[in-house]
């Protein structure tokens, strides 16, 4: 179980309570957790290129109930929460934490908390210029098993593809989001680029 695992791995140990030093409680082992802030900072550095304003296009294929369509807009991302998160930035400037690296589990975490709700994880992390997040998602009221694959094409272009697990257990394409840094030249990247 959780507490047993934390102590057996050495992540936690017995030590004095911060409130009452006479009381022995579970505390983080400084020898284990001491280097975690530096590890997190180094991993988060891999995503600093995302900060800024981006033009985007959301490309959605036709289905049996809807035609194909593409929507366009602008997205803004910032490094926030003392450098521990990449946040999406609303037009009014409100920052919403979106992507982070958890140094304890050594996983990247992708969080959605408005309209779509999910915490996706990537155990593999960044491999070259690609990262794949998976996990349960409630997308506009519909529960799915989700896979999101981000690919950085250049300093000024990236895309991500969304897929859901179908009834046969295979990944089925949902849509693609293409991004180009605002003010850069060139077209929005296409699937597979």
Protein backbone atom coordinates (compact mmCIF):
# COMPACT_ATOMS: atom_id res chain seq x y z
CA UNK A 1 0.00 0.00 0.00
CA UNK A 2 0.99 3.64 -0.43
CA UNK A 3 2.53 4.47 2.97
CA UNK A 4 4.34 1.12 3.16
CA UNK A 5 5.72 1.69 -0.35
CA UNK A 6 6.91 5.22 0.46
CA UNK A 7 8.81 4.01 3.53
CA UNK A 8 10.18 0.84 1.90
CA UNK A 9 11.57 2.86 -1.03
CA UNK A 10 13.17 5.31 1.38
CA UNK A 11 11.18 8.28 0.09
CA UNK A 12 9.82 8.81 3.58
CA UNK A 13 11.31 8.16 7.02
CA UNK A 14 10.35 8.88 10.61
CA UNK A 15 11.30 12.28 11.92
CA UNK A 16 10.12 15.13 14.16
CA UNK A 17 6.83 16.87 13.34
CA UNK A 18 7.15 20.51 12.24
CA UNK A 19 4.22 21.37 14.51
CA UNK A 20 5.31 19.38 17.57
CA UNK A 21 9.00 18.29 17.41
CA UNK A 22 8.40 15.78 20.25
CA UNK A 23 6.11 13.79 17.96
CA UNK A 24 7.64 11.37 15.41
CA UNK A 25 5.84 11.39 12.03
CA UNK A 26 6.52 10.44 8.43
CA UNK A 27 8.73 13.03 6.72
CA UNK A 28 10.43 13.13 3.34
CA UNK A 29 13.95 11.71 3.33
CA UNK A 30 16.19 14.64 2.31
CA UNK A 31 18.77 12.26 0.78
CA UNK A 32 16.10 11.03 -1.66
CA UNK A 33 14.12 14.19 -2.38
CA UNK A 34 16.95 16.75 -2.17
CA UNK A 35 17.81 16.55 -5.88
CA UNK A 36 14.23 16.50 -7.13
CA UNK A 37 13.85 20.28 -7.67
CA UNK A 38 16.94 20.31 -9.91
CA UNK A 39 15.69 17.27 -11.84
CA UNK A 40 12.30 18.92 -12.37
CA UNK A 41 13.92 22.19 -13.50
CA UNK A 42 16.13 20.35 -16.00
CA UNK A 43 13.16 18.44 -17.45
CA UNK A 44 10.95 21.54 -17.61
CA UNK A 45 13.69 23.31 -19.56
CA UNK A 46 12.90 20.88 -22.41
CA UNK A 47 9.52 22.58 -22.82
CA UNK A 48 10.49 26.25 -22.46
CA UNK A 49 10.30 26.65 -26.25
CA UNK A 50 6.49 26.42 -25.89
CA UNK A 51 6.24 29.81 -24.12
CA UNK A 52 4.75 32.50 -26.34
CA UNK A 53 1.89 33.13 -28.74
CA UNK A 54 0.88 30.62 -31.40
CA UNK A 55 -1.55 30.62 -34.32
CA UNK A 56 -3.36 27.30 -34.39
CA UNK A 57 -5.61 25.25 -36.62
CA UNK A 58 -7.75 22.35 -35.35
CA UNK A 59 -8.38 19.88 -38.18
CA UNK A 60 -11.26 17.43 -37.65
CA UNK A 61 -12.12 14.68 -40.18
CA UNK A 62 -15.63 13.82 -41.37
CA UNK A 63 -17.62 11.24 -39.43
CA UNK A 64 -20.91 9.47 -40.15
CA UNK A 65 -22.65 12.29 -38.22
CA UNK A 66 -20.58 15.38 -39.21
CA UNK A 67 -18.62 16.90 -42.10
CA UNK A 68 -14.87 17.56 -41.96
CA UNK A 69 -13.95 21.01 -40.66
CA UNK A 70 -11.01 23.12 -39.52
CA UNK A 71 -11.11 25.91 -36.96
CA UNK A 72 -8.40 28.52 -36.41
CA UNK A 73 -7.37 30.66 -33.47
CA UNK A 74 -4.56 31.84 -31.24
CA UNK A 75 -3.08 30.11 -28.19
CA UNK A 76 -0.71 31.46 -25.60
CA UNK A 77 1.50 29.47 -23.23
CA UNK A 78 3.68 30.65 -20.34
CA UNK A 79 6.14 29.18 -17.88
CA UNK A 80 4.35 29.57 -14.55
CA UNK A 81 4.05 28.36 -10.96
CA UNK A 82 7.72 29.18 -10.22
CA UNK A 83 8.86 27.37 -13.37
CA UNK A 84 7.13 24.12 -12.40
CA UNK A 85 4.34 24.24 -15.01
CA UNK A 86 3.58 25.25 -18.56
CA UNK A 87 0.29 27.15 -18.38
CA UNK A 88 -2.24 28.02 -21.04
CA UNK A 89 -2.98 31.74 -20.86
CA UNK A 90 -6.54 33.00 -21.41
CA UNK A 91 -7.19 36.28 -23.27
CA UNK A 92 -7.75 37.95 -19.86
CA UNK A 93 -4.27 36.80 -18.74
CA UNK A 94 -5.45 34.03 -16.39
CA UNK A 95 -2.92 31.19 -16.31
CA UNK A 96 -4.13 27.58 -16.06
CA UNK A 97 -1.51 24.91 -15.22
CA UNK A 98 -1.37 22.44 -18.11
CA UNK A 99 1.90 20.45 -18.35
CA UNK A 100 4.50 19.53 -15.72
CA UNK A 101 7.15 16.98 -14.86
CA UNK A 102 6.76 14.98 -11.64
CA UNK A 103 10.30 14.15 -10.47
CA UNK A 104 9.14 11.51 -7.95
CA UNK A 105 7.46 9.32 -10.58
CA UNK A 106 9.68 10.65 -13.39
CA UNK A 107 6.59 11.19 -15.55
CA UNK A 108 5.33 14.09 -17.59
CA UNK A 109 1.77 15.06 -16.63
CA UNK A 110 -0.79 16.78 -18.89
CA UNK A 111 -3.86 18.24 -17.12
CA UNK A 112 -7.19 19.47 -18.46
CA UNK A 113 -9.69 21.00 -16.02
CA UNK A 114 -12.24 22.98 -18.06
CA UNK A 115 -14.78 21.39 -20.41
CA UNK A 116 -12.49 18.41 -20.79
CA UNK A 117 -11.20 16.71 -17.66
CA UNK A 118 -8.24 14.40 -17.50
CA UNK A 119 -4.78 13.76 -16.23
CA UNK A 120 -2.70 12.14 -18.94
CA UNK A 121 0.79 10.78 -18.29
CA UNK A 122 3.91 10.06 -20.27
CA UNK A 123 6.27 7.52 -18.70
CA UNK A 124 8.64 7.63 -21.70
CA UNK A 125 8.87 11.44 -21.71
CA UNK A 126 10.47 13.33 -24.53
CA UNK A 127 12.08 11.11 -27.13
CA UNK A 128 13.73 13.44 -29.59
CA UNK A 129 11.06 16.03 -30.39
CA UNK A 130 8.08 13.81 -29.52
CA UNK A 131 6.09 12.97 -26.40
CA UNK A 132 3.03 10.73 -26.01
CA UNK A 133 0.51 11.23 -23.18
CA UNK A 134 -2.15 8.61 -22.36
CA UNK A 135 -4.90 8.12 -19.81
CA UNK A 136 -8.59 8.43 -19.04
CA UNK A 137 -10.30 11.59 -20.27
CA UNK A 138 -13.79 13.03 -19.94
CA UNK A 139 -14.09 15.04 -23.16
CA UNK A 140 -17.13 17.32 -23.15
CA UNK A 141 -19.08 14.80 -21.07
CA UNK A 142 -17.91 11.63 -22.86
CA UNK A 143 -15.52 9.24 -21.09
CA UNK A 144 -12.65 7.97 -23.26
CA UNK A 145 -9.23 6.37 -23.04
CA UNK A 146 -7.10 9.07 -24.68
CA UNK A 147 -3.74 9.31 -26.42
CA UNK A 148 -2.20 12.65 -27.32
CA UNK A 149 1.02 12.76 -29.35
CA UNK A 150 2.97 16.03 -29.46
CA UNK A 151 5.61 16.57 -32.15
CA UNK A 152 7.88 19.60 -32.32
CA UNK A 153 8.76 20.30 -35.96
CA UNK A 154 10.96 23.36 -35.30
CA UNK A 155 11.40 26.23 -32.84
CA UNK A 156 8.35 27.83 -34.48
CA UNK A 157 6.06 24.88 -35.26
CA UNK A 158 4.52 21.91 -33.47
CA UNK A 159 1.39 19.77 -33.63
CA UNK A 160 -0.47 17.27 -31.53
CA UNK A 161 -2.77 14.46 -32.57
CA UNK A 162 -5.60 13.16 -30.40
CA UNK A 163 -6.74 9.54 -30.53
CA UNK A 164 -9.15 7.44 -28.49
CA UNK A 165 -9.17 3.73 -27.81
CA UNK A 166 -12.01 2.09 -29.74
CA UNK A 167 -14.11 -0.95 -28.75
CA UNK A 168 -11.49 -3.29 -30.31
CA UNK A 169 -8.67 -1.76 -28.24
CA UNK A 170 -7.05 0.05 -31.19
CA UNK A 171 -6.24 3.77 -31.29
CA UNK A 172 -8.67 5.72 -33.51
CA UNK A 173 -7.78 9.16 -34.87
CA UNK A 174 -9.89 12.04 -33.50
CA UNK A 175 -8.29 15.29 -34.64
CA UNK A 176 -5.08 17.26 -34.98
CA UNK A 177 -3.98 20.64 -33.66
CA UNK A 178 -1.30 22.47 -35.68
CA UNK A 179 0.63 25.40 -34.23
CA UNK A 180 2.90 28.06 -35.73
CA UNK A 181 4.59 30.70 -33.57
CA UNK A 182 2.87 34.04 -34.07
CA UNK A 183 4.91 36.25 -36.37
CA UNK A 184 6.96 33.40 -37.86
CA UNK A 185 6.95 32.61 -41.55
CA UNK A 186 5.66 29.41 -43.07
CA UNK A 187 2.47 27.42 -43.01
CA UNK A 188 1.02 25.41 -40.19
CA UNK A 189 2.56 21.93 -40.00
CA UNK A 190 0.62 18.99 -41.40
CA UNK A 191 0.15 15.51 -39.97
CA UNK A 192 3.33 13.49 -40.22
CA UNK A 193 5.63 16.50 -40.71
